[in-house]
Amino acid sequence: MSGTGGPVGGTDGREDGMSGHEGDEELRWLDEQEKAAWTGLISLVLLLPAKLEAPLRQEHGLTLFEYLVLSHLSEAPRRTLRMGELAFLASGSLSRLSNVVKRCEQRGWVVRMPDPADGRYTLAELTDEGFGVVHLAAPTHLRSVRRIVLDSLGAADQKALARVAEKLHIVPDDFG
């Protein structure tokens, strides 16, 4: 039995009839539609990033996360964002972002500084050199996004995907 599958509409196999979970809540196995939705989503989550990252690595030596960090900075006013906001936009934790920004700083692509409006926060700013990197990598990423994702979806599918993503959007606890 898998953690989400198991017998459709079945029990967890325990003789005592208990669900094996907190409280008295009955364990509800996934029906076929739910299982198809979950399998599709987890496949997207686990397989899509590598497909989008491969061309960036090959042509520009960038990870997908590095590209997303640089790209979001390039689109921000004054090419500057608070680290927490940047972590959220790039879909990463603050600690992961901090490590990536440190590497980008060493390459001369990003600088960090205290937020003058509130010194408790740190700002990341994209340098001209960093802007040049993202400018060169953007067409590669765009081609991949179109080829791997968007070209296979009609307008209705794209709207549905955006709607589902919005409904599942989770703001990390350390956003701020």
C-alpha atoms as a PDB file:
ATOM      1  CA  MET A   1       0.000   0.000   0.000  1.00  0.00           C
ATOM      2  CA  SER A   2       1.274   3.446  -0.828  1.00  0.00           C
ATOM      3  CA  GLY A   3       0.810   6.413   1.454  1.00  0.00           C
ATOM      4  CA  THR A   4      -1.870   7.885  -0.779  1.00  0.00           C
ATOM      5  CA  GLY A   5      -3.138   4.967  -2.772  1.00  0.00           C
ATOM      6  CA  GLY A   6      -4.029   1.733  -1.082  1.00  0.00           C
ATOM      7  CA  PRO A   7      -7.315   0.105  -1.721  1.00  0.00           C
ATOM      8  CA  VAL A   8      -9.711   2.601  -3.241  1.00  0.00           C
ATOM      9  CA  GLY A   9     -12.348   3.203  -0.603  1.00  0.00           C
ATOM     10  CA  GLY A  10     -10.731   0.501   1.580  1.00  0.00           C
ATOM     11  CA  THR A  11      -9.302   0.431   5.058  1.00  0.00           C
ATOM     12  CA  ASP A  12      -5.728   0.530   6.208  1.00  0.00           C
ATOM     13  CA  GLY A  13      -5.775  -3.202   6.922  1.00  0.00           C
ATOM     14  CA  ARG A  14      -5.686  -2.967  10.723  1.00  0.00           C
ATOM     15  CA  GLU A  15      -7.841  -5.544  12.435  1.00  0.00           C
ATOM     16  CA  ASP A  16      -8.975  -3.156  15.172  1.00  0.00           C
ATOM     17  CA  GLY A  17     -10.695  -0.874  12.649  1.00  0.00           C
ATOM     18  CA  MET A  18      -8.666   2.115  13.820  1.00  0.00           C
ATOM     19  CA  SER A  19      -7.411   4.432  11.143  1.00  0.00           C
ATOM     20  CA  GLY A  20      -3.871   4.609  12.481  1.00  0.00           C
ATOM     21  CA  HIS A  21      -4.010   8.401  12.551  1.00  0.00           C
ATOM     22  CA  GLU A  22      -4.515  11.004  15.233  1.00  0.00           C
ATOM     23  CA  GLY A  23      -7.945  11.063  16.820  1.00  0.00           C
ATOM     24  CA  ASP A  24     -10.815   8.976  15.591  1.00  0.00           C
ATOM     25  CA  GLU A  25     -10.760  10.323  12.048  1.00  0.00           C
ATOM     26  CA  GLU A  26     -11.391   7.619   9.470  1.00  0.00           C
ATOM     27  CA  LEU A  27      -8.618   7.263   6.899  1.00  0.00           C
ATOM     28  CA  ARG A  28     -10.001   8.089   3.460  1.00  0.00           C
ATOM     29  CA  TRP A  29      -8.122   6.440   0.604  1.00  0.00           C
ATOM     30  CA  LEU A  30      -7.929   8.287  -2.680  1.00  0.00           C
ATOM     31  CA  ASP A  31     -10.545   7.488  -5.280  1.00  0.00           C
ATOM     32  CA  GLU A  32      -9.434   7.112  -8.909  1.00  0.00           C
ATOM     33  CA  GLN A  33      -9.967  10.792  -9.755  1.00  0.00           C
ATOM     34  CA  GLU A  34      -8.110  11.963  -6.650  1.00  0.00           C
ATOM     35  CA  LYS A  35      -5.286   9.513  -7.315  1.00  0.00           C
ATOM     36  CA  ALA A  36      -4.953  10.727 -10.923  1.00  0.00           C
ATOM     37  CA  ALA A  37      -4.895  14.366  -9.735  1.00  0.00           C
ATOM     38  CA  TRP A  38      -2.311  13.626  -7.035  1.00  0.00           C
ATOM     39  CA  THR A  39      -0.106  11.566  -9.352  1.00  0.00           C
ATOM     40  CA  GLY A  40      -0.197  14.298 -11.969  1.00  0.00           C
ATOM     41  CA  LEU A  41       0.654  17.001  -9.461  1.00  0.00           C
ATOM     42  CA  ILE A  42       3.513  15.123  -7.815  1.00  0.00           C
ATOM     43  CA  SER A  43       4.943  14.280 -11.237  1.00  0.00           C
ATOM     44  CA  LEU A  44       4.914  17.973 -12.122  1.00  0.00           C
ATOM     45  CA  VAL A  45       6.485  18.955  -8.819  1.00  0.00           C
ATOM     46  CA  LEU A  46       9.256  16.357  -8.999  1.00  0.00           C
ATOM     47  CA  LEU A  47      10.028  16.085 -12.726  1.00  0.00           C
ATOM     48  CA  LEU A  48       9.318  19.484 -14.264  1.00  0.00           C
ATOM     49  CA  PRO A  49      12.069  21.473 -12.493  1.00  0.00           C
ATOM     50  CA  ALA A  50      14.811  19.183 -13.819  1.00  0.00           C
ATOM     51  CA  LYS A  51      13.473  19.499 -17.358  1.00  0.00           C
ATOM     52  CA  LEU A  52      13.449  23.278 -17.082  1.00  0.00           C
ATOM     53  CA  GLU A  53      16.885  23.370 -15.441  1.00  0.00           C
ATOM     54  CA  ALA A  54      18.781  21.206 -17.954  1.00  0.00           C
ATOM     55  CA  PRO A  55      19.014  23.835 -20.740  1.00  0.00           C
ATOM     56  CA  LEU A  56      19.954  26.563 -18.245  1.00  0.00           C
ATOM     57  CA  ARG A  57      22.772  24.431 -16.859  1.00  0.00           C
ATOM     58  CA  GLN A  58      23.980  23.378 -20.278  1.00  0.00           C
ATOM     59  CA  GLU A  59      23.934  26.793 -21.935  1.00  0.00           C
ATOM     60  CA  HIS A  60      24.557  29.177 -19.007  1.00  0.00           C
ATOM     61  CA  GLY A  61      25.838  27.165 -16.033  1.00  0.00           C
ATOM     62  CA  LEU A  62      22.809  28.213 -13.965  1.00  0.00           C
ATOM     63  CA  THR A  63      20.468  26.195 -11.803  1.00  0.00           C
ATOM     64  CA  LEU A  64      16.764  26.871 -12.193  1.00  0.00           C
ATOM     65  CA  PHE A  65      16.700  28.384  -8.697  1.00  0.00           C
ATOM     66  CA  GLU A  66      19.621  30.715  -9.523  1.00  0.00           C
ATOM     67  CA  TYR A  67      17.831  31.795 -12.692  1.00  0.00           C
ATOM     68  CA  LEU A  68      14.586  32.437 -10.801  1.00  0.00           C
ATOM     69  CA  VAL A  69      16.423  34.525  -8.192  1.00  0.00           C
ATOM     70  CA  LEU A  70      18.157  36.637 -10.841  1.00  0.00           C
ATOM     71  CA  SER A  71      14.995  36.920 -12.929  1.00  0.00           C
ATOM     72  CA  HIS A  72      12.816  38.110 -10.041  1.00  0.00           C
ATOM     73  CA  LEU A  73      15.444  40.665  -9.090  1.00  0.00           C
ATOM     74  CA  SER A  74      15.634  41.870 -12.699  1.00  0.00           C
ATOM     75  CA  GLU A  75      11.881  42.543 -12.692  1.00  0.00           C
ATOM     76  CA  ALA A  76      11.774  44.286  -9.304  1.00  0.00           C
ATOM     77  CA  PRO A  77      11.805  48.059  -8.868  1.00  0.00           C
ATOM     78  CA  ARG A  78      15.449  49.185  -8.733  1.00  0.00           C
ATOM     79  CA  ARG A  79      16.297  45.468  -9.204  1.00  0.00           C
ATOM     80  CA  THR A  80      16.015  45.119  -5.417  1.00  0.00           C
ATOM     81  CA  LEU A  81      13.931  42.884  -3.136  1.00  0.00           C
ATOM     82  CA  ARG A  82      13.881  41.875   0.505  1.00  0.00           C
ATOM     83  CA  MET A  83      15.397  38.442   0.928  1.00  0.00           C
ATOM     84  CA  GLY A  84      12.164  37.001   2.373  1.00  0.00           C
ATOM     85  CA  GLU A  85      10.117  38.233  -0.565  1.00  0.00           C
ATOM     86  CA  LEU A  86      12.717  36.938  -2.999  1.00  0.00           C
ATOM     87  CA  ALA A  87      12.690  33.515  -1.319  1.00  0.00           C
ATOM     88  CA  PHE A  88       8.907  33.402  -1.674  1.00  0.00           C
ATOM     89  CA  LEU A  89       8.946  34.490  -5.318  1.00  0.00           C
ATOM     90  CA  ALA A  90      11.668  31.967  -6.204  1.00  0.00           C
ATOM     91  CA  SER A  91       9.861  29.228  -4.225  1.00  0.00           C
ATOM     92  CA  GLY A  92      12.710  28.538  -1.840  1.00  0.00           C
ATOM     93  CA  SER A  93      13.556  28.835   1.821  1.00  0.00           C
ATOM     94  CA  LEU A  94      15.498  31.756   3.244  1.00  0.00           C
ATOM     95  CA  SER A  95      18.455  29.485   4.018  1.00  0.00           C
ATOM     96  CA  ARG A  96      18.566  28.125   0.454  1.00  0.00           C
ATOM     97  CA  LEU A  97      18.255  31.638  -0.929  1.00  0.00           C
ATOM     98  CA  SER A  98      21.019  32.887   1.348  1.00  0.00           C
ATOM     99  CA  ASN A  99      23.393  30.237   0.005  1.00  0.00           C
ATOM    100  CA  VAL A 100      22.525  31.021  -3.608  1.00  0.00           C
ATOM    101  CA  VAL A 101      22.791  34.782  -3.108  1.00  0.00           C
ATOM    102  CA  LYS A 102      26.187  34.282  -1.460  1.00  0.00           C
ATOM    103  CA  ARG A 103      27.388  32.442  -4.598  1.00  0.00           C
ATOM    104  CA  CYS A 104      25.875  35.157  -6.790  1.00  0.00           C
ATOM    105  CA  GLU A 105      27.642  37.817  -4.709  1.00  0.00           C
ATOM    106  CA  GLN A 106      30.942  35.998  -5.229  1.00  0.00           C
ATOM    107  CA  ARG A 107      30.320  36.109  -8.988  1.00  0.00           C
ATOM    108  CA  GLY A 108      29.496  39.821  -8.848  1.00  0.00           C
ATOM    109  CA  TRP A 109      25.844  39.349  -9.817  1.00  0.00           C
ATOM    110  CA  VAL A 110      24.119  40.417  -6.576  1.00  0.00           C
ATOM    111  CA  VAL A 111      24.890  42.621  -3.569  1.00  0.00           C
ATOM    112  CA  ARG A 112      23.217  42.445  -0.163  1.00  0.00           C
ATOM    113  CA  MET A 113      22.607  45.338   2.198  1.00  0.00           C
ATOM    114  CA  PRO A 114      20.449  46.166   5.222  1.00  0.00           C
ATOM    115  CA  ASP A 115      17.023  47.546   4.341  1.00  0.00           C
ATOM    116  CA  PRO A 116      17.242  51.299   5.105  1.00  0.00           C
ATOM    117  CA  ALA A 117      13.496  51.346   5.863  1.00  0.00           C
ATOM    118  CA  ASP A 118      13.827  48.549   8.439  1.00  0.00           C
ATOM    119  CA  GLY A 119      17.264  47.269   9.403  1.00  0.00           C
ATOM    120  CA  ARG A 120      15.832  43.923  10.514  1.00  0.00           C
ATOM    121  CA  TYR A 121      15.561  42.979   6.848  1.00  0.00           C
ATOM    122  CA  THR A 122      18.209  42.397   4.198  1.00  0.00           C
ATOM    123  CA  LEU A 123      17.871  43.557   0.615  1.00  0.00           C
ATOM    124  CA  ALA A 124      19.289  41.783  -2.419  1.00  0.00           C
ATOM    125  CA  GLU A 125      20.117  43.950  -5.426  1.00  0.00           C
ATOM    126  CA  LEU A 126      20.959  42.725  -8.906  1.00  0.00           C
ATOM    127  CA  THR A 127      24.136  44.255 -10.330  1.00  0.00           C
ATOM    128  CA  ASP A 128      24.576  45.251 -13.961  1.00  0.00           C
ATOM    129  CA  GLU A 129      26.671  42.106 -14.458  1.00  0.00           C
ATOM    130  CA  GLY A 130      23.895  39.995 -12.939  1.00  0.00           C
ATOM    131  CA  PHE A 131      21.364  41.683 -15.182  1.00  0.00           C
ATOM    132  CA  GLY A 132      23.525  40.739 -18.160  1.00  0.00           C
ATOM    133  CA  VAL A 133      23.537  37.095 -17.043  1.00  0.00           C
ATOM    134  CA  VAL A 134      19.765  36.911 -16.679  1.00  0.00           C
ATOM    135  CA  HIS A 135      19.310  38.801 -19.957  1.00  0.00           C
ATOM    136  CA  LEU A 136      21.372  36.153 -21.788  1.00  0.00           C
ATOM    137  CA  ALA A 137      19.658  33.217 -20.034  1.00  0.00           C
ATOM    138  CA  ALA A 138      16.066  34.455 -20.375  1.00  0.00           C
ATOM    139  CA  PRO A 139      15.543  33.292 -23.988  1.00  0.00           C
ATOM    140  CA  THR A 140      16.772  29.795 -23.084  1.00  0.00           C
ATOM    141  CA  HIS A 141      14.349  29.623 -20.159  1.00  0.00           C
ATOM    142  CA  LEU A 142      11.472  31.046 -22.202  1.00  0.00           C
ATOM    143  CA  ARG A 143      11.981  28.482 -24.980  1.00  0.00           C
ATOM    144  CA  SER A 144      11.938  25.674 -22.381  1.00  0.00           C
ATOM    145  CA  VAL A 145       8.811  26.985 -20.671  1.00  0.00           C
ATOM    146  CA  ARG A 146       7.006  27.216 -23.987  1.00  0.00           C
ATOM    147  CA  ARG A 147       8.201  23.847 -25.333  1.00  0.00           C
ATOM    148  CA  ILE A 148       7.777  21.836 -22.132  1.00  0.00           C
ATOM    149  CA  VAL A 149       4.671  23.473 -20.638  1.00  0.00           C
ATOM    150  CA  LEU A 150       2.737  26.189 -22.421  1.00  0.00           C
ATOM    151  CA  ASP A 151       2.710  24.952 -26.026  1.00  0.00           C
ATOM    152  CA  SER A 152       0.985  21.743 -24.896  1.00  0.00           C
ATOM    153  CA  LEU A 153      -1.802  23.642 -23.116  1.00  0.00           C
ATOM    154  CA  GLY A 154      -4.664  25.563 -24.640  1.00  0.00           C
ATOM    155  CA  ALA A 155      -5.891  28.828 -23.147  1.00  0.00           C
ATOM    156  CA  ALA A 156      -8.477  27.045 -20.973  1.00  0.00           C
ATOM    157  CA  ASP A 157      -5.831  24.633 -19.638  1.00  0.00           C
ATOM    158  CA  GLN A 158      -3.475  27.528 -18.879  1.00  0.00           C
ATOM    159  CA  LYS A 159      -6.233  29.339 -16.963  1.00  0.00           C
ATOM    160  CA  ALA A 160      -7.117  26.147 -15.081  1.00  0.00           C
ATOM    161  CA  LEU A 161      -3.464  25.567 -14.171  1.00  0.00           C
ATOM    162  CA  ALA A 162      -3.133  29.137 -12.915  1.00  0.00           C
ATOM    163  CA  ARG A 163      -6.357  28.766 -10.903  1.00  0.00           C
ATOM    164  CA  VAL A 164      -5.194  25.498  -9.315  1.00  0.00           C
ATOM    165  CA  ALA A 165      -1.776  26.964  -8.522  1.00  0.00           C
ATOM    166  CA  GLU A 166      -3.448  29.935  -6.835  1.00  0.00           C
ATOM    167  CA  LYS A 167      -5.672  27.657  -4.761  1.00  0.00           C
ATOM    168  CA  LEU A 168      -2.677  25.566  -3.642  1.00  0.00           C
ATOM    169  CA  HIS A 169      -0.383  28.541  -3.059  1.00  0.00           C
ATOM    170  CA  ILE A 170       1.331  28.241   0.282  1.00  0.00           C
ATOM    171  CA  VAL A 171       3.122  31.208   1.798  1.00  0.00           C
ATOM    172  CA  PRO A 172       6.145  30.022   3.809  1.00  0.00           C
ATOM    173  CA  ASP A 173       6.286  30.852   7.524  1.00  0.00           C
ATOM    174  CA  ASP A 174       9.538  32.777   7.049  1.00  0.00           C
ATOM    175  CA  PHE A 175       8.108  35.087   4.363  1.00  0.00           C
ATOM    176  CA  GLY A 176       8.598  38.721   5.223  1.00  0.00           C
END
